[in-house]
Protein backbone atom coordinates (compact mmCIF):
# COMPACT_ATOMS: atom_id res chain seq x y z
CA MET A 1 0.00 0.00 0.00
CA LYS A 2 1.50 3.32 -1.07
CA ASP A 3 2.01 6.14 1.39
CA LYS A 4 -0.50 8.95 1.34
CA ILE A 5 0.56 12.38 0.14
CA ILE A 6 -1.24 15.12 2.05
CA TYR A 7 -0.96 18.87 1.48
CA HIS A 8 -1.83 21.61 3.93
CA ILE A 9 -2.55 24.83 2.04
CA ASP A 10 -2.30 27.93 4.23
CA CYS A 11 -2.98 31.43 2.89
CA ASN A 12 -0.33 33.92 3.98
CA SER A 13 -1.81 36.74 6.12
CA ALA A 14 -5.20 35.82 4.69
CA TYR A 15 -7.46 38.74 5.60
CA LEU A 16 -4.75 41.30 4.86
CA SER A 17 -3.82 39.62 1.56
CA TRP A 18 -7.41 39.37 0.40
CA GLU A 19 -8.03 43.01 1.26
CA ALA A 20 -4.87 44.03 -0.61
CA VAL A 21 -5.74 42.08 -3.74
CA TYR A 22 -9.30 43.39 -3.80
CA ARG A 23 -8.19 47.00 -3.40
CA LEU A 24 -5.59 46.66 -6.16
CA GLN A 25 -8.27 45.25 -8.45
CA GLN A 26 -10.41 48.30 -7.64
CA GLY A 27 -7.63 50.65 -8.77
CA SER A 28 -5.73 51.33 -5.54
CA GLU A 29 -2.09 52.26 -6.03
CA ILE A 30 -1.13 51.01 -2.57
CA ASP A 31 -0.53 47.35 -1.81
CA LEU A 32 -1.41 46.86 1.86
CA ARG A 33 1.03 43.96 2.00
CA ASN A 34 3.97 46.31 1.37
CA ILE A 35 3.25 48.86 4.11
CA PRO A 36 2.59 48.65 7.87
CA SER A 37 -1.10 47.76 7.83
CA ILE A 38 -3.70 45.75 9.68
CA VAL A 39 -7.23 44.50 9.33
CA GLY A 40 -8.81 45.60 12.58
CA GLY A 41 -11.96 46.65 14.33
CA ASN A 42 -13.17 50.02 15.51
CA GLU A 43 -11.95 50.75 19.02
CA GLU A 44 -14.85 53.13 19.64
CA ASN A 45 -17.32 50.35 18.87
CA ARG A 46 -15.64 47.85 21.21
CA HIS A 47 -14.33 45.76 18.33
CA GLY A 48 -10.83 47.17 18.41
CA ILE A 49 -8.52 44.19 17.93
CA VAL A 50 -6.01 43.30 15.24
CA LEU A 51 -7.35 40.49 13.04
CA ALA A 52 -4.47 40.36 10.55
CA LYS A 53 -1.23 42.23 9.93
CA SER A 54 1.18 42.80 7.06
CA ILE A 55 4.79 41.62 7.17
CA PRO A 56 6.04 45.25 7.53
CA ALA A 57 3.71 45.62 10.52
CA LYS A 58 5.41 42.67 12.19
CA LYS A 59 8.63 44.73 12.34
CA TYR A 60 6.85 46.98 14.85
CA LYS A 61 6.02 43.90 16.96
CA ILE A 62 2.32 44.25 16.26
CA ARG A 63 0.50 41.07 17.27
CA THR A 64 -2.74 39.51 16.11
CA GLY A 65 -5.32 39.81 18.87
CA GLU A 66 -3.94 42.94 20.52
CA SER A 67 -5.97 46.13 20.60
CA VAL A 68 -5.93 48.50 17.64
CA ARG A 69 -5.06 51.27 20.09
CA GLU A 70 -1.99 49.37 21.24
CA ALA A 71 -0.98 48.68 17.62
CA PHE A 72 -1.13 52.39 16.78
CA SER A 73 0.99 53.20 19.83
CA LYS A 74 3.70 50.98 18.32
CA CYS A 75 3.30 52.37 14.80
CA PRO A 76 1.54 55.76 14.41
CA ILE A 77 1.67 55.51 10.58
CA LEU A 78 -0.22 52.19 10.62
CA VAL A 79 -3.04 51.80 8.08
CA ASN A 80 -6.13 50.12 9.53
CA VAL A 81 -8.86 48.71 7.25
CA PRO A 82 -12.17 47.23 8.49
CA PRO A 83 -12.92 43.52 7.99
CA ASN A 84 -15.04 42.42 5.04
CA TYR A 85 -16.20 38.89 5.82
CA ASN A 86 -18.16 38.49 2.60
CA LEU A 87 -14.97 39.17 0.63
CA TYR A 88 -13.04 36.67 2.75
CA MET A 89 -15.54 33.87 2.14
CA LYS A 90 -15.48 34.55 -1.61
CA SER A 91 -11.67 34.48 -1.59
CA SER A 92 -11.66 31.26 0.40
CA ASP A 93 -14.21 29.68 -1.94
CA ALA A 94 -12.13 30.66 -4.97
CA MET A 95 -9.05 28.98 -3.47
CA VAL A 96 -10.97 25.81 -2.60
CA SER A 97 -12.42 25.67 -6.14
CA ILE A 98 -8.89 25.48 -7.52
CA LEU A 99 -7.90 22.80 -5.01
CA LYS A 100 -10.88 20.66 -5.99
CA GLU A 101 -9.54 20.51 -9.55
CA TYR A 102 -6.62 18.50 -8.19
CA SER A 103 -8.45 16.16 -5.82
CA ASP A 104 -11.96 15.23 -4.71
CA GLN A 105 -10.62 14.95 -1.14
CA VAL A 106 -10.41 18.56 0.06
CA GLN A 107 -11.10 19.45 3.69
CA ARG A 108 -11.58 23.14 4.43
CA PHE A 109 -10.00 23.35 7.85
CA SER A 110 -10.56 27.06 8.41
CA VAL A 111 -11.42 30.02 6.21
CA ASP A 112 -7.79 30.26 5.06
CA GLU A 113 -6.56 26.66 5.40
CA SER A 114 -7.36 23.41 3.64
CA PHE A 115 -6.05 19.86 3.60
CA VAL A 116 -5.81 18.08 0.25
CA ASP A 117 -5.19 14.36 -0.28
CA VAL A 118 -3.32 14.19 -3.61
CA THR A 119 -2.30 10.53 -3.33
CA ASN A 120 -4.28 9.65 -6.46
CA SER A 121 -3.48 12.90 -8.28
CA LEU A 122 0.30 12.72 -8.56
CA HIS A 123 0.08 11.72 -12.20
CA LEU A 124 -0.71 15.38 -12.85
CA SER A 125 2.95 16.22 -12.16
CA GLY A 126 4.83 13.13 -13.25
CA SER A 127 4.40 11.55 -9.79
CA ASP A 128 6.40 14.34 -8.13
CA PRO A 129 4.53 15.69 -5.07
CA ILE A 130 6.87 18.69 -4.74
CA GLN A 131 6.37 19.74 -8.34
CA LEU A 132 2.59 19.42 -7.96
CA ALA A 133 2.68 21.51 -4.77
CA TYR A 134 4.56 24.29 -6.57
CA SER A 135 2.09 24.08 -9.44
CA ILE A 136 -0.87 24.59 -7.10
CA LYS A 137 0.86 27.37 -5.15
CA ASP A 138 1.80 29.28 -8.30
CA ARG A 139 -1.62 28.84 -9.85
CA ILE A 140 -3.33 30.32 -6.80
CA TYR A 141 -1.02 33.34 -7.02
CA ASN A 142 -1.35 33.80 -10.78
CA GLU A 143 -5.15 33.46 -10.84
CA LEU A 144 -6.20 34.89 -7.48
CA GLY A 145 -3.33 37.26 -6.64
CA PHE A 146 -2.39 36.03 -3.15
CA THR A 147 0.29 33.67 -1.87
CA VAL A 148 0.04 30.45 0.11
CA ASN A 149 2.38 28.08 1.89
CA VAL A 150 2.08 24.38 1.10
CA GLY A 151 3.11 21.76 3.63
CA VAL A 152 3.76 18.28 2.22
CA SER A 153 3.79 15.04 4.19
CA ASN A 154 2.17 11.64 4.68
CA ASN A 155 -0.34 12.79 7.28
CA LYS A 156 -2.30 15.93 8.14
CA LEU A 157 -0.43 16.78 11.34
CA LEU A 158 2.99 16.85 9.68
CA ALA A 159 1.65 18.65 6.60
CA LYS A 160 0.23 21.38 8.84
CA MET A 161 3.46 21.70 10.78
CA ALA A 162 5.39 21.95 7.50
CA SER A 163 3.23 24.76 6.16
CA ASP A 164 4.12 26.82 9.26
CA PHE A 165 7.80 26.81 8.39
CA LYS A 166 9.34 29.90 6.76
CA LYS A 167 6.80 32.17 5.01
CA PRO A 168 5.51 33.47 2.66
CA ASN A 169 5.00 31.72 -0.68
CA ARG A 170 6.91 28.54 0.15
CA VAL A 171 6.64 24.77 -0.20
CA HIS A 172 8.01 22.70 2.69
CA THR A 173 8.16 18.97 3.31
CA LEU A 174 8.05 17.21 6.67
CA TYR A 175 8.15 13.48 6.07
CA PRO A 176 8.51 11.10 9.04
CA GLU A 177 12.23 10.68 8.36
CA GLU A 178 12.65 14.49 8.57
CA ILE A 179 10.99 14.94 11.97
CA GLU A 180 14.17 14.70 14.06
CA LYS A 181 15.98 17.34 11.97
CA LYS A 182 13.16 19.74 11.10
CA MET A 183 10.61 19.51 13.92
CA TRP A 184 12.26 18.30 17.11
CA PRO A 185 14.51 21.39 17.55
CA LEU A 186 11.44 23.70 17.57
CA ALA A 187 10.04 25.16 20.79
CA VAL A 188 7.41 22.89 22.30
CA ASN A 189 4.69 25.55 21.96
CA ASP A 190 5.21 25.45 18.18
CA LEU A 191 3.58 22.01 18.17
CA PHE A 192 -0.04 21.87 17.15
CA MET A 193 -2.39 21.49 20.17
CA VAL A 194 0.22 22.76 22.64
CA GLY A 195 -1.30 25.99 23.94
CA ARG A 196 -0.32 28.36 26.71
CA ALA A 197 -1.62 26.23 29.60
CA THR A 198 -0.03 23.03 28.27
CA THR A 199 3.25 24.85 27.60
CA SER A 200 3.40 26.02 31.22
CA LYS A 201 2.90 22.48 32.50
CA LEU A 202 5.50 21.07 30.13
CA PHE A 203 8.04 23.71 31.17
CA LYS A 204 7.58 22.63 34.79
CA LEU A 205 8.48 19.10 33.67
CA GLY A 206 11.65 20.35 31.99
CA ILE A 207 10.22 19.91 28.49
CA TYR A 208 11.18 22.86 26.27
CA THR A 209 11.39 21.52 22.72
CA ILE A 210 9.25 19.22 20.61
CA GLY A 211 12.14 16.77 20.75
CA ASP A 212 12.07 16.84 24.55
CA LEU A 213 8.37 16.02 24.42
CA ALA A 214 8.84 13.22 21.88
CA LYS A 215 11.40 11.55 24.14
CA SER A 216 9.43 12.03 27.37
CA ASP A 217 7.94 9.25 29.44
CA LYS A 218 4.31 8.71 28.44
CA ASP A 219 3.26 7.73 31.96
CA LEU A 220 4.68 11.01 33.31
CA LEU A 221 2.78 13.00 30.69
CA TYR A 222 -0.44 11.16 31.46
CA ALA A 223 -0.02 11.81 35.19
CA HIS A 224 0.21 15.58 34.60
CA LEU A 225 -1.85 16.11 31.43
CA LYS A 226 -4.11 13.05 31.24
CA SER A 227 -5.18 12.05 27.70
CA HIS A 228 -4.02 15.36 26.25
CA GLY A 229 -0.48 14.44 27.29
CA LEU A 230 -0.65 11.26 25.22
CA LEU A 231 -2.10 13.20 22.29
CA VAL A 232 0.74 15.74 22.16
CA TRP A 233 3.31 12.97 22.67
CA ASN A 234 1.92 11.27 19.57
CA TYR A 235 2.00 14.56 17.66
CA ALA A 236 5.60 15.22 18.74
CA ASN A 237 6.48 11.86 17.21
CA GLY A 238 4.51 12.57 14.04
CA ILE A 239 1.82 9.99 14.82
CA GLU A 240 -1.57 10.95 13.32
CA ASP A 241 -3.78 9.02 10.91
CA SER A 242 -7.07 10.87 10.36
CA ILE A 243 -8.43 11.03 6.83
CA VAL A 244 -8.97 14.17 4.77
CA ARG A 245 -12.69 14.65 5.29
CA LYS A 246 -14.78 16.30 2.62
CA SER A 247 -16.74 18.23 5.25
CA ASN A 248 -16.00 19.66 8.67
CA TYR A 249 -19.71 19.47 9.40
CA GLU A 250 -19.31 15.75 10.03
CA PHE A 251 -18.09 16.48 13.55
CA MET A 252 -19.91 19.76 14.10
CA LYS A 253 -21.87 19.85 17.35
CA GLY A 254 -23.47 23.24 16.92
CA ILE A 255 -23.56 26.53 15.05
CA GLY A 256 -23.44 29.80 16.96
CA ASN A 257 -23.20 33.50 16.32
CA GLY A 258 -22.66 36.32 18.79
CA THR A 259 -21.90 40.01 18.78
CA THR A 260 -20.70 42.78 21.03
CA ILE A 261 -23.11 45.65 20.44
CA ALA A 262 -21.79 49.18 19.82
CA PHE A 263 -24.12 50.60 22.47
CA ASP A 264 -25.96 49.33 25.54
CA VAL A 265 -29.32 47.87 24.51
CA ASP A 266 -32.11 48.72 26.94
CA LYS A 267 -35.17 48.28 24.71
CA PRO A 268 -36.57 44.85 23.78
CA GLU A 269 -37.45 45.86 20.21
CA ILE A 270 -33.78 46.64 19.53
CA ALA A 271 -32.65 43.40 21.16
CA TYR A 272 -35.11 41.51 18.95
CA LYS A 273 -33.53 42.99 15.82
CA VAL A 274 -30.05 42.03 17.01
CA LEU A 275 -31.27 38.49 17.70
CA LEU A 276 -32.80 38.33 14.22
CA SER A 277 -29.59 39.55 12.58
CA LEU A 278 -27.67 36.82 14.43
CA THR A 279 -30.23 34.17 13.53
CA GLU A 280 -30.04 35.12 9.84
CA SER A 281 -26.40 34.01 9.81
CA VAL A 282 -27.01 30.90 11.93
CA GLY A 283 -29.90 29.74 9.74
CA THR A 284 -27.92 30.23 6.55
CA ARG A 285 -24.95 28.25 7.83
CA LEU A 286 -27.24 25.52 9.15
CA ARG A 287 -28.77 25.03 5.70
CA GLU A 288 -25.35 25.15 4.04
CA ALA A 289 -24.33 22.25 6.28
CA ASP A 290 -27.47 20.29 5.28
CA LYS A 291 -28.42 20.09 8.96
CA CYS A 292 -31.46 20.76 11.13
CA ALA A 293 -31.28 21.76 14.79
CA GLY A 294 -33.03 20.23 17.77
CA LEU A 295 -31.97 22.77 20.39
CA VAL A 296 -31.84 26.58 20.45
CA SER A 297 -30.00 28.61 23.08
CA VAL A 298 -29.66 32.34 23.76
CA SER A 299 -27.09 34.02 26.00
CA ILE A 300 -26.88 37.57 27.29
CA THR A 301 -24.00 39.56 28.73
CA THR A 302 -25.01 42.80 30.44
CA ASN A 303 -23.11 46.08 30.68
CA GLU A 304 -22.14 44.94 34.18
CA PHE A 305 -20.58 41.81 32.60
CA THR A 306 -23.04 39.41 34.20
CA HIS A 307 -23.88 36.44 32.02
CA ALA A 308 -27.04 34.38 31.65
CA SER A 309 -28.28 31.81 29.14
CA HIS A 310 -31.39 29.80 28.37
CA GLN A 311 -32.11 26.91 25.99
CA ARG A 312 -35.03 24.93 24.64
CA LYS A 313 -35.49 21.69 22.78
CA ILE A 314 -37.48 21.90 19.56
CA MET A 315 -40.38 19.48 19.12
CA SER A 316 -39.46 19.01 15.46
CA CYS A 317 -35.91 19.75 14.24
CA THR A 318 -35.71 22.73 11.90
CA ASP A 319 -33.40 24.77 9.68
CA SER A 320 -35.87 27.65 9.29
CA THR A 321 -34.49 31.08 10.13
CA THR A 322 -37.98 32.27 11.09
CA LYS A 323 -38.67 29.31 13.42
CA ILE A 324 -35.28 29.59 15.11
CA TYR A 325 -35.78 33.34 15.59
CA GLU A 326 -39.23 32.84 17.13
CA ILE A 327 -37.77 30.45 19.70
CA ALA A 328 -34.76 32.71 20.35
CA LYS A 329 -37.09 35.64 20.94
CA GLU A 330 -39.17 33.63 23.44
CA LEU A 331 -36.02 32.52 25.26
CA PHE A 332 -34.83 36.11 25.42
CA ASP A 333 -38.13 37.28 26.92
CA GLU A 334 -37.89 34.60 29.61
CA LEU A 335 -34.26 35.46 30.33
CA TRP A 336 -33.88 39.24 30.27
CA ASP A 337 -34.46 41.24 33.46
CA GLY A 338 -34.15 44.66 31.85
CA THR A 339 -30.45 45.27 32.62
CA PRO A 340 -28.77 47.01 29.63
CA ILE A 341 -27.22 44.46 27.28
CA ARG A 342 -23.69 44.50 25.88
CA LYS A 343 -23.50 41.10 24.14
CA LEU A 344 -25.99 38.68 22.60
CA ARG A 345 -25.48 35.19 21.22
CA VAL A 346 -27.70 32.64 19.45
CA ARG A 347 -26.67 29.02 19.07
CA VAL A 348 -28.28 25.88 17.67
CA SER A 349 -27.18 22.34 18.47
CA GLU A 350 -28.30 18.69 18.54
CA LEU A 351 -27.86 18.71 14.78
CA VAL A 352 -29.30 16.06 12.48
CA ASP A 353 -29.14 15.56 8.73
CA ASN A 354 -31.90 17.41 6.91
CA ASP A 355 -32.58 14.72 4.31
CA PHE A 356 -35.17 13.23 6.63
CA VAL A 357 -36.84 15.18 9.42
CA GLN A 358 -39.88 13.99 11.38
CA VAL A 359 -42.64 16.60 11.01
CA SER A 360 -44.84 17.19 14.05
CA LEU A 361 -48.62 17.45 13.80
CA TYR A 362 -48.24 20.75 15.64
CA ASP A 363 -45.87 22.25 13.07
CA ASP A 364 -46.78 25.45 11.33
CA LYS A 365 -48.83 24.65 8.22
CA ASN A 366 -46.67 27.15 6.35
CA ILE A 367 -43.45 25.17 6.94
CA GLN A 368 -43.05 24.44 3.23
CA LYS A 369 -43.50 28.10 2.40
CA LEU A 370 -40.83 29.02 4.95
CA LYS A 371 -38.43 26.47 3.46
CA ALA A 372 -39.07 27.81 -0.04
CA MET A 373 -38.49 31.38 1.16
CA ASP A 374 -35.22 30.46 2.90
CA LYS A 375 -33.98 28.69 -0.22
CA ALA A 376 -34.82 31.65 -2.45
CA VAL A 377 -33.13 34.12 -0.12
CA ASP A 378 -30.04 31.88 0.24
CA ASP A 379 -29.73 31.59 -3.54
CA ILE A 380 -29.99 35.36 -4.06
CA ARG A 381 -27.48 36.18 -1.33
CA ARG A 382 -25.07 33.54 -2.59
CA ARG A 383 -25.18 35.09 -6.05
CA PHE A 384 -25.40 38.81 -5.28
CA GLY A 385 -24.02 39.15 -1.75
CA SER A 386 -25.39 39.10 1.78
CA LYS A 387 -26.82 42.62 1.52
CA SER A 388 -28.87 41.90 -1.61
CA VAL A 389 -31.93 40.82 0.41
CA VAL A 390 -32.71 42.24 3.86
CA ARG A 391 -35.78 42.23 6.07
CA ALA A 392 -37.81 45.44 6.06
CA CYS A 393 -37.49 45.92 9.82
CA PHE A 394 -33.80 46.77 9.37
CA VAL A 395 -34.37 49.60 6.89
CA ASN A 396 -33.28 52.90 8.52
CA SER A 397 -32.78 51.07 11.83
CA GLY A 398 -29.05 51.70 12.02
CA LEU A 399 -28.54 47.99 12.71
CA LYS A 400 -26.96 45.34 10.52
CA ALA A 401 -29.46 43.03 8.81
CA ILE A 402 -27.04 40.11 9.14
CA THR A 403 -24.55 40.04 11.97
CA GLY A 404 -21.55 37.76 11.87
CA GLY A 405 -19.38 36.40 9.12
CA VAL A 406 -16.57 33.93 9.42
CA ASN A 407 -17.26 32.00 12.60
CA GLU A 408 -15.22 29.41 14.43
CA ASP A 409 -18.24 27.12 14.58
CA ASP A 410 -18.11 26.85 10.79
CA TYR A 411 -14.61 25.42 10.99
CA PRO A 412 -14.32 23.61 14.33
CA MET A 413 -10.80 23.29 15.67
CA MET A 414 -9.23 19.91 15.22
CA ALA A 415 -9.12 18.89 18.91
CA SER A 416 -7.75 15.35 18.87
CA ILE A 417 -9.07 14.67 15.38
CA LEU A 418 -7.55 16.59 12.48
């Protein structure tokens, strides 16, 4: 049985790159990638964090996740552009479309990353996986205008680690026989699934590099880190055998959407509109996943930072935006005590496939009409953009008709399964 050849395709500075390419196509003379720039939120509206940064911005030690205010204190000439999630999804879709021409096994891991199993596609490059990787990388740049790194290996873990090597616009290999030379000398927190808390525990055990971890006693790791210790030990030794799934929705447990509001909400009619704008995004993503939900939950964070949540099972699973919103609204009414609201979140879970859903005798007789309406609206928005169809209640309201864009629930982190 031949070894698998897996690629991990990772867009370099994705949001910033996609913004730069789009602006150049619109006639801008400035390439955001060549100047100190960031994609960031509005500090005045409580969304002031750095989402992406250019390579020149890195020279000022600007970090993703820090406040925009802090970034400007490091670099007063910094250019800040607002996020455009619709553009990012289109850019991501365009990249994935190219990847699917090379293999029918493409797993979109996040909005800017994908795994590709090219084991049966190597004939496209004379059976040379490196040559094929360069071909894909260069095609993405020539046709879409942005660069990617390609990691090449026999499993997903090593391919992902390889793509994180020197950037941008590179192809790197990390085959099992290269682990000792290329991966073991790296700091232990460079290993996938070794976060801040795990790093601290490993440091206390005298484990500072990935090599140290790979050579550690498994019983010792289990005693201090339980099953996660065994997981990262396996990863440090390059052990990982999950397949390239065609859909991340296979393991999705729920779909959620939340927002920090630009002002304190103290009127229910405004809160309802925010809930509806959140539900619009949740319903769309639910239908895209070919799922129906059996549980709806709503959570509130007040301006005093107190938190409360409420949930309800649905008698008959649904993917209807209207039905989900009606339940979310009822939950909100039961939950809210009148304290001004700073954050709202809507989430659906207990997902089932939508190819067969048991219909209750108590269901709305207009359920088929609602499904037809959702489909029509989804089709129009997919073709003409998310703002092409909005509900009348949002006209002149000053509120977004659809809140939320790229969401971590769409691309669940790998946990122990890549």
